[in-house]
Amino acid sequence: MGVFNQWLNMIAVSNSCKSPLYVNGVHSIRRINLLDFSQPVSIPIHQKEIRDMAFSPAQSDTLLSVGLDKRAVLTNCNSNVVIQSYSTESPLWSCTWNGANQYGFFIGSQGGQIQEYDLRRPNELLGTTEVGSDNVPIVRLIYINPSYKDKV
């Protein structure tokens, strides 16, 4: 899994790390500067595979990632620090930022749910939508502004 950041001229890719520091292993984000291809920086953030990542359109150094460890994690890619972590009941497969609210984002779960969060209310789940009834994973999320239908 990888994602490009045009503002910072970098890519972030998921990476599995094996280290004596992490008994069960760890999954990290490897940050690669595209201007000079300097030594990649690895940021360990998930205990299981990372399924999706998205840079914030409003805060270019903030990366949202989701993984099979049932967590959504916000990471500052300039300081290499986890900003906030959200735990869920189901493994997570997808994520996207809310195009109408610079503080909002959505995550899609293995159990067929889409959950909405807001950075300003970190301990609060804003809403959950069930998609279908047979627990099919939400493998990809893309935000479409509701006003788009008025333009078609």
N, C-alpha and C. Protein backbone atom coordinates (compact mmCIF):
# COMPACT_ATOMS: atom_id res chain seq x y z
N MET A 1 0.85 -1.16 0.00
CA MET A 1 0.00 0.00 0.00
C MET A 1 0.89 1.22 0.00
N GLY A 2 0.56 2.20 -0.81
CA GLY A 2 1.33 3.43 -0.86
C GLY A 2 0.45 4.61 -1.20
N VAL A 3 0.91 5.80 -0.85
CA VAL A 3 0.17 7.02 -1.13
C VAL A 3 1.18 8.15 -1.40
N PHE A 4 0.83 9.02 -2.35
CA PHE A 4 1.70 10.13 -2.75
C PHE A 4 1.23 11.42 -2.11
N ASN A 5 2.19 12.25 -1.65
CA ASN A 5 1.88 13.56 -1.09
C ASN A 5 2.54 14.61 -1.97
N GLN A 6 1.74 15.32 -2.76
CA GLN A 6 2.27 16.30 -3.70
C GLN A 6 2.82 17.54 -3.01
N TRP A 7 2.32 17.89 -1.82
CA TRP A 7 2.77 19.09 -1.11
C TRP A 7 4.16 18.89 -0.49
N LEU A 8 4.43 17.68 -0.03
CA LEU A 8 5.71 17.39 0.61
C LEU A 8 6.68 16.66 -0.32
N ASN A 9 6.25 16.37 -1.54
CA ASN A 9 7.07 15.62 -2.50
C ASN A 9 7.61 14.33 -1.89
N MET A 10 6.69 13.53 -1.38
CA MET A 10 7.08 12.28 -0.75
C MET A 10 6.04 11.22 -1.00
N ILE A 11 6.44 9.97 -0.82
CA ILE A 11 5.48 8.88 -0.82
C ILE A 11 5.58 8.19 0.54
N ALA A 12 4.49 7.63 0.96
CA ALA A 12 4.44 6.83 2.18
C ALA A 12 3.99 5.44 1.77
N VAL A 13 4.74 4.44 2.16
CA VAL A 13 4.39 3.06 1.83
C VAL A 13 4.33 2.24 3.11
N SER A 14 3.46 1.25 3.11
CA SER A 14 3.37 0.37 4.28
C SER A 14 4.51 -0.64 4.22
N ASN A 15 4.96 -1.04 5.39
CA ASN A 15 6.13 -1.91 5.48
C ASN A 15 6.00 -2.80 6.71
N SER A 16 6.32 -4.07 6.54
CA SER A 16 6.31 -5.00 7.67
C SER A 16 7.73 -5.06 8.25
N CYS A 17 7.84 -4.87 9.55
CA CYS A 17 9.16 -4.86 10.21
C CYS A 17 9.28 -6.04 11.16
N LYS A 18 10.40 -6.69 11.09
CA LYS A 18 10.71 -7.74 12.05
C LYS A 18 11.88 -7.23 12.89
N SER A 19 11.67 -7.20 14.19
CA SER A 19 12.68 -6.65 15.08
C SER A 19 12.55 -7.30 16.45
N PRO A 20 13.66 -7.47 17.17
CA PRO A 20 13.58 -8.01 18.52
C PRO A 20 12.79 -7.10 19.46
N LEU A 21 12.62 -5.83 19.08
CA LEU A 21 11.85 -4.90 19.90
C LEU A 21 10.36 -5.21 19.87
N TYR A 22 9.90 -5.84 18.79
CA TYR A 22 8.49 -6.15 18.61
C TYR A 22 8.34 -7.66 18.46
N VAL A 23 7.88 -8.32 19.51
CA VAL A 23 7.79 -9.77 19.53
C VAL A 23 6.94 -10.30 18.38
N ASN A 24 5.79 -9.70 18.15
CA ASN A 24 4.87 -10.16 17.10
C ASN A 24 5.06 -9.41 15.78
N GLY A 25 6.11 -8.62 15.70
CA GLY A 25 6.33 -7.80 14.52
C GLY A 25 5.53 -6.51 14.59
N VAL A 26 5.78 -5.63 13.67
CA VAL A 26 5.07 -4.35 13.62
C VAL A 26 4.98 -3.92 12.16
N HIS A 27 3.95 -3.18 11.86
CA HIS A 27 3.77 -2.64 10.52
C HIS A 27 3.96 -1.14 10.60
N SER A 28 4.77 -0.64 9.70
CA SER A 28 5.14 0.77 9.78
C SER A 28 4.84 1.47 8.46
N ILE A 29 5.00 2.79 8.52
CA ILE A 29 4.93 3.62 7.33
C ILE A 29 6.36 4.01 7.02
N ARG A 30 6.76 3.77 5.80
CA ARG A 30 8.09 4.17 5.36
C ARG A 30 7.91 5.41 4.50
N ARG A 31 8.52 6.50 4.96
CA ARG A 31 8.41 7.79 4.29
C ARG A 31 9.62 7.99 3.39
N ILE A 32 9.38 8.28 2.09
CA ILE A 32 10.46 8.43 1.13
C ILE A 32 10.37 9.81 0.47
N ASN A 33 11.42 10.61 0.63
CA ASN A 33 11.51 11.93 0.03
C ASN A 33 11.84 11.77 -1.45
N LEU A 34 11.00 12.32 -2.32
CA LEU A 34 11.19 12.17 -3.76
C LEU A 34 12.14 13.21 -4.36
N LEU A 35 12.50 14.23 -3.58
CA LEU A 35 13.41 15.25 -4.09
C LEU A 35 14.86 14.78 -4.07
N ASP A 36 15.24 14.07 -3.01
CA ASP A 36 16.64 13.64 -2.92
C ASP A 36 16.80 12.14 -2.62
N PHE A 37 15.70 11.44 -2.47
CA PHE A 37 15.72 10.00 -2.16
C PHE A 37 16.64 9.69 -0.98
N SER A 38 16.63 10.59 0.00
CA SER A 38 17.43 10.38 1.20
C SER A 38 16.96 9.12 1.93
N GLN A 39 17.70 8.74 2.94
CA GLN A 39 17.40 7.52 3.70
C GLN A 39 15.93 7.54 4.14
N PRO A 40 15.15 6.52 3.75
CA PRO A 40 13.73 6.47 4.15
C PRO A 40 13.58 6.40 5.67
N VAL A 41 12.55 7.05 6.16
CA VAL A 41 12.25 7.04 7.59
C VAL A 41 11.10 6.07 7.82
N SER A 42 11.23 5.19 8.80
CA SER A 42 10.20 4.21 9.11
C SER A 42 9.52 4.57 10.43
N ILE A 43 8.19 4.62 10.40
CA ILE A 43 7.41 5.00 11.59
C ILE A 43 6.51 3.82 11.97
N PRO A 44 6.85 3.08 13.04
CA PRO A 44 6.02 1.92 13.44
C PRO A 44 4.71 2.39 14.07
N ILE A 45 3.57 1.95 13.49
CA ILE A 45 2.29 2.44 14.03
C ILE A 45 1.20 1.38 14.16
N HIS A 46 1.26 0.29 13.42
CA HIS A 46 0.21 -0.73 13.49
C HIS A 46 0.80 -2.08 13.89
N GLN A 47 -0.01 -2.89 14.56
CA GLN A 47 0.41 -4.23 14.97
C GLN A 47 0.13 -5.28 13.90
N LYS A 48 -0.78 -4.97 13.00
CA LYS A 48 -1.11 -5.87 11.89
C LYS A 48 -1.07 -5.08 10.60
N GLU A 49 -1.31 -5.76 9.49
CA GLU A 49 -1.18 -5.17 8.16
C GLU A 49 -1.96 -3.87 7.99
N ILE A 50 -1.32 -2.89 7.35
CA ILE A 50 -1.95 -1.62 7.00
C ILE A 50 -2.72 -1.84 5.69
N ARG A 51 -4.00 -1.49 5.69
CA ARG A 51 -4.85 -1.74 4.51
C ARG A 51 -5.04 -0.50 3.64
N ASP A 52 -5.00 0.71 4.24
CA ASP A 52 -5.24 1.92 3.44
C ASP A 52 -4.62 3.11 4.14
N MET A 53 -4.30 4.15 3.35
CA MET A 53 -3.73 5.38 3.87
C MET A 53 -4.23 6.54 3.02
N ALA A 54 -4.33 7.73 3.65
CA ALA A 54 -4.74 8.94 2.92
C ALA A 54 -4.17 10.16 3.62
N PHE A 55 -3.56 11.06 2.85
CA PHE A 55 -3.08 12.32 3.41
C PHE A 55 -4.24 13.29 3.53
N SER A 56 -4.22 14.09 4.58
CA SER A 56 -5.24 15.11 4.77
C SER A 56 -5.09 16.20 3.71
N PRO A 57 -6.18 16.59 3.05
CA PRO A 57 -6.09 17.67 2.08
C PRO A 57 -5.90 19.04 2.74
N ALA A 58 -6.24 19.15 4.03
CA ALA A 58 -6.12 20.42 4.74
C ALA A 58 -4.81 20.56 5.50
N GLN A 59 -4.30 19.45 6.04
CA GLN A 59 -3.04 19.45 6.79
C GLN A 59 -2.11 18.47 6.08
N SER A 60 -1.31 18.98 5.19
CA SER A 60 -0.56 18.12 4.27
C SER A 60 0.41 17.15 4.93
N ASP A 61 0.76 17.38 6.18
CA ASP A 61 1.69 16.46 6.86
C ASP A 61 0.98 15.40 7.70
N THR A 62 -0.35 15.39 7.69
CA THR A 62 -1.12 14.44 8.48
C THR A 62 -1.58 13.27 7.62
N LEU A 63 -1.19 12.07 8.05
CA LEU A 63 -1.53 10.85 7.32
C LEU A 63 -2.49 10.01 8.16
N LEU A 64 -3.60 9.62 7.55
CA LEU A 64 -4.56 8.71 8.16
C LEU A 64 -4.28 7.32 7.64
N SER A 65 -4.14 6.35 8.53
CA SER A 65 -3.93 4.96 8.12
C SER A 65 -4.87 4.05 8.89
N VAL A 66 -5.27 2.96 8.27
CA VAL A 66 -6.12 1.97 8.92
C VAL A 66 -5.51 0.59 8.72
N GLY A 67 -5.76 -0.31 9.69
CA GLY A 67 -5.16 -1.62 9.60
C GLY A 67 -6.03 -2.72 10.16
N LEU A 68 -5.54 -3.92 9.95
CA LEU A 68 -6.24 -5.10 10.44
C LEU A 68 -6.14 -5.24 11.96
N ASP A 69 -5.40 -4.35 12.61
CA ASP A 69 -5.31 -4.33 14.08
C ASP A 69 -6.48 -3.58 14.71
N LYS A 70 -7.48 -3.22 13.89
CA LYS A 70 -8.72 -2.57 14.34
C LYS A 70 -8.48 -1.13 14.79
N ARG A 71 -7.45 -0.47 14.19
CA ARG A 71 -7.15 0.90 14.58
C ARG A 71 -7.01 1.81 13.37
N ALA A 72 -7.47 3.03 13.56
CA ALA A 72 -7.21 4.12 12.62
C ALA A 72 -6.21 5.03 13.33
N VAL A 73 -5.15 5.41 12.63
CA VAL A 73 -4.07 6.17 13.25
C VAL A 73 -3.78 7.42 12.43
N LEU A 74 -3.68 8.56 13.11
CA LEU A 74 -3.27 9.82 12.49
C LEU A 74 -1.81 10.05 12.86
N THR A 75 -0.97 10.25 11.84
CA THR A 75 0.46 10.42 12.05
C THR A 75 0.94 11.71 11.40
N ASN A 76 1.78 12.46 12.11
CA ASN A 76 2.42 13.63 11.52
C ASN A 76 3.69 13.15 10.83
N CYS A 77 3.74 13.28 9.53
CA CYS A 77 4.87 12.75 8.76
C CYS A 77 6.09 13.67 8.78
N ASN A 78 5.97 14.88 9.28
CA ASN A 78 7.14 15.74 9.45
C ASN A 78 7.88 15.41 10.74
N SER A 79 7.12 15.20 11.82
CA SER A 79 7.75 14.92 13.11
C SER A 79 7.82 13.42 13.42
N ASN A 80 7.19 12.58 12.57
CA ASN A 80 7.18 11.12 12.76
C ASN A 80 6.52 10.71 14.07
N VAL A 81 5.46 11.40 14.45
CA VAL A 81 4.78 11.17 15.71
C VAL A 81 3.31 10.84 15.46
N VAL A 82 2.80 9.85 16.20
CA VAL A 82 1.38 9.53 16.16
C VAL A 82 0.62 10.64 16.87
N ILE A 83 -0.35 11.23 16.19
CA ILE A 83 -1.15 12.33 16.74
C ILE A 83 -2.33 11.79 17.54
N GLN A 84 -3.03 10.82 16.96
CA GLN A 84 -4.24 10.28 17.58
C GLN A 84 -4.47 8.87 17.05
N SER A 85 -5.06 8.03 17.89
CA SER A 85 -5.38 6.66 17.48
C SER A 85 -6.84 6.37 17.86
N TYR A 86 -7.55 5.68 16.99
CA TYR A 86 -8.95 5.33 17.20
C TYR A 86 -9.08 3.81 17.14
N SER A 87 -9.65 3.21 18.15
CA SER A 87 -9.84 1.77 18.18
C SER A 87 -11.28 1.42 17.81
N THR A 88 -11.44 0.33 17.07
CA THR A 88 -12.76 -0.12 16.65
C THR A 88 -12.94 -1.60 17.02
N GLU A 89 -14.13 -2.12 16.76
CA GLU A 89 -14.43 -3.52 17.10
C GLU A 89 -14.09 -4.48 15.96
N SER A 90 -13.80 -3.95 14.79
CA SER A 90 -13.59 -4.79 13.61
C SER A 90 -12.32 -4.34 12.88
N PRO A 91 -11.62 -5.27 12.22
CA PRO A 91 -10.47 -4.87 11.40
C PRO A 91 -10.90 -3.84 10.35
N LEU A 92 -10.00 -2.90 10.05
CA LEU A 92 -10.31 -1.81 9.13
C LEU A 92 -9.63 -2.04 7.78
N TRP A 93 -10.36 -1.69 6.72
CA TRP A 93 -9.87 -1.93 5.36
C TRP A 93 -9.67 -0.66 4.54
N SER A 94 -10.37 0.42 4.87
CA SER A 94 -10.31 1.59 4.00
C SER A 94 -10.52 2.88 4.78
N CYS A 95 -10.10 3.99 4.17
CA CYS A 95 -10.28 5.30 4.80
C CYS A 95 -10.30 6.39 3.74
N THR A 96 -10.91 7.51 4.09
CA THR A 96 -10.92 8.70 3.23
C THR A 96 -11.23 9.91 4.10
N TRP A 97 -10.79 11.06 3.65
CA TRP A 97 -11.09 12.31 4.35
C TRP A 97 -12.41 12.86 3.84
N ASN A 98 -13.11 13.58 4.72
CA ASN A 98 -14.37 14.23 4.38
C ASN A 98 -14.06 15.50 3.60
N GLY A 99 -14.42 15.54 2.33
CA GLY A 99 -14.13 16.69 1.48
C GLY A 99 -14.88 17.95 1.86
N ALA A 100 -15.95 17.84 2.63
CA ALA A 100 -16.74 19.00 3.03
C ALA A 100 -16.39 19.49 4.43
N ASN A 101 -15.59 18.72 5.17
CA ASN A 101 -15.22 19.07 6.54
C ASN A 101 -13.75 18.68 6.72
N GLN A 102 -12.87 19.66 6.78
CA GLN A 102 -11.43 19.39 6.83
C GLN A 102 -11.00 18.61 8.07
N TYR A 103 -11.86 18.52 9.08
CA TYR A 103 -11.53 17.79 10.29
C TYR A 103 -12.12 16.37 10.32
N GLY A 104 -12.93 16.04 9.32
CA GLY A 104 -13.64 14.76 9.34
C GLY A 104 -13.01 13.71 8.45
N PHE A 105 -13.22 12.44 8.84
CA PHE A 105 -12.78 11.33 8.01
C PHE A 105 -13.69 10.13 8.22
N PHE A 106 -13.63 9.20 7.27
CA PHE A 106 -14.44 7.99 7.29
C PHE A 106 -13.51 6.78 7.24
N ILE A 107 -13.93 5.71 7.92
CA ILE A 107 -13.18 4.46 7.86
C ILE A 107 -14.16 3.33 7.54
N GLY A 108 -13.68 2.37 6.75
CA GLY A 108 -14.50 1.23 6.36
C GLY A 108 -13.97 -0.04 7.00
N SER A 109 -14.87 -0.86 7.52
CA SER A 109 -14.46 -2.05 8.28
C SER A 109 -14.67 -3.35 7.52
N GLN A 110 -14.07 -4.38 8.04
CA GLN A 110 -14.23 -5.74 7.51
C GLN A 110 -15.67 -6.21 7.67
N GLY A 111 -16.37 -5.70 8.68
CA GLY A 111 -17.74 -6.10 8.95
C GLY A 111 -18.79 -5.36 8.15
N GLY A 112 -18.40 -4.53 7.17
CA GLY A 112 -19.36 -3.84 6.32
C GLY A 112 -19.90 -2.54 6.89
N GLN A 113 -19.16 -1.92 7.79
CA GLN A 113 -19.59 -0.66 8.39
C GLN A 113 -18.70 0.49 7.90
N ILE A 114 -19.30 1.67 7.78
CA ILE A 114 -18.56 2.89 7.54
C ILE A 114 -18.77 3.77 8.77
N GLN A 115 -17.68 4.22 9.37
CA GLN A 115 -17.75 5.03 10.58
C GLN A 115 -17.19 6.41 10.28
N GLU A 116 -17.78 7.43 10.91
CA GLU A 116 -17.36 8.81 10.71
C GLU A 116 -16.80 9.38 12.01
N TYR A 117 -15.67 10.08 11.89
CA TYR A 117 -15.01 10.72 13.04
C TYR A 117 -14.68 12.16 12.70
N ASP A 118 -14.41 12.96 13.75
CA ASP A 118 -13.99 14.35 13.61
C ASP A 118 -12.80 14.57 14.53
N LEU A 119 -11.74 15.17 14.00
CA LEU A 119 -10.52 15.39 14.78
C LEU A 119 -10.76 16.25 16.02
N ARG A 120 -11.75 17.11 15.97
CA ARG A 120 -12.02 17.99 17.11
C ARG A 120 -12.74 17.27 18.24
N ARG A 121 -13.27 16.08 17.96
CA ARG A 121 -13.95 15.28 18.98
C ARG A 121 -13.36 13.87 18.96
N PRO A 122 -12.11 13.74 19.43
CA PRO A 122 -11.37 12.48 19.26
C PRO A 122 -11.94 11.26 19.96
N ASN A 123 -12.72 11.43 20.99
CA ASN A 123 -13.26 10.28 21.72
C ASN A 123 -14.69 9.95 21.34
N GLU A 124 -15.15 10.52 20.23
CA GLU A 124 -16.56 10.37 19.86
C GLU A 124 -16.72 9.85 18.43
N LEU A 125 -17.47 8.79 18.29
CA LEU A 125 -17.86 8.27 16.98
C LEU A 125 -19.08 9.06 16.54
N LEU A 126 -18.98 9.76 15.40
CA LEU A 126 -20.09 10.61 14.95
C LEU A 126 -21.24 9.82 14.35
N GLY A 127 -20.91 8.71 13.68
CA GLY A 127 -21.97 7.93 13.08
C GLY A 127 -21.45 6.66 12.46
N THR A 128 -22.37 5.70 12.30
CA THR A 128 -22.05 4.42 11.68
C THR A 128 -23.12 4.10 10.65
N THR A 129 -22.69 3.64 9.49
CA THR A 129 -23.61 3.22 8.44
C THR A 129 -23.31 1.77 8.10
N GLU A 130 -24.34 0.93 8.13
CA GLU A 130 -24.20 -0.47 7.73
C GLU A 130 -24.41 -0.55 6.22
N VAL A 131 -23.50 -1.20 5.52
CA VAL A 131 -23.62 -1.36 4.07
C VAL A 131 -23.86 -2.83 3.79
N GLY A 132 -25.07 -3.15 3.38
CA GLY A 132 -25.41 -4.55 3.12
C GLY A 132 -25.66 -5.30 4.42
N SER A 133 -25.96 -6.58 4.28
CA SER A 133 -26.30 -7.36 5.46
C SER A 133 -25.43 -8.61 5.62
N ASP A 134 -24.51 -8.82 4.71
CA ASP A 134 -23.72 -10.05 4.79
C ASP A 134 -22.26 -9.82 5.19
N ASN A 135 -21.99 -8.75 5.90
CA ASN A 135 -20.65 -8.44 6.43
C ASN A 135 -19.55 -8.48 5.38
N VAL A 136 -19.79 -7.86 4.24
CA VAL A 136 -18.78 -7.75 3.21
C VAL A 136 -17.87 -6.57 3.55
N PRO A 137 -16.55 -6.75 3.50
CA PRO A 137 -15.64 -5.65 3.85
C PRO A 137 -15.82 -4.43 2.94
N ILE A 138 -15.61 -3.26 3.51
CA ILE A 138 -15.59 -2.01 2.75
C ILE A 138 -14.14 -1.85 2.28
N VAL A 139 -13.85 -2.26 1.07
CA VAL A 139 -12.46 -2.31 0.60
C VAL A 139 -11.95 -0.99 0.06
N ARG A 140 -12.84 -0.05 -0.29
CA ARG A 140 -12.40 1.24 -0.80
C ARG A 140 -13.44 2.29 -0.49
N LEU A 141 -12.99 3.46 -0.04
CA LEU A 141 -13.87 4.59 0.22
C LEU A 141 -13.37 5.80 -0.57
N ILE A 142 -14.29 6.51 -1.20
CA ILE A 142 -13.97 7.76 -1.88
C ILE A 142 -15.07 8.74 -1.52
N TYR A 143 -14.69 9.92 -1.04
CA TYR A 143 -15.67 10.92 -0.66
C TYR A 143 -16.20 11.64 -1.90
N ILE A 144 -17.52 11.73 -2.01
CA ILE A 144 -18.17 12.49 -3.08
C ILE A 144 -19.05 13.52 -2.40
N ASN A 145 -18.78 14.79 -2.67
CA ASN A 145 -19.51 15.87 -2.05
C ASN A 145 -20.99 15.78 -2.43
N PRO A 146 -21.91 15.90 -1.45
CA PRO A 146 -23.35 15.80 -1.74
C PRO A 146 -23.83 16.83 -2.78
N SER A 147 -23.15 17.97 -2.89
CA SER A 147 -23.57 18.98 -3.87
C SER A 147 -23.21 18.57 -5.29
N TYR A 148 -22.43 17.51 -5.46
CA TYR A 148 -22.03 17.06 -6.79
C TYR A 148 -23.24 16.67 -7.63
N LYS A 149 -24.25 16.06 -7.01
CA LYS A 149 -25.42 15.61 -7.76
C LYS A 149 -26.18 16.78 -8.36
N ASP A 150 -26.07 17.99 -7.74
CA ASP A 150 -26.74 19.17 -8.27
C ASP A 150 -26.07 19.68 -9.55
N LYS A 151 -24.81 19.31 -9.76
CA LYS A 151 -24.05 19.77 -10.92
C LYS A 151 -24.16 18.83 -12.11
N VAL A 152 -24.72 17.66 -11.90
CA VAL A 152 -24.81 16.67 -12.98
C VAL A 152 -26.06 16.87 -13.79
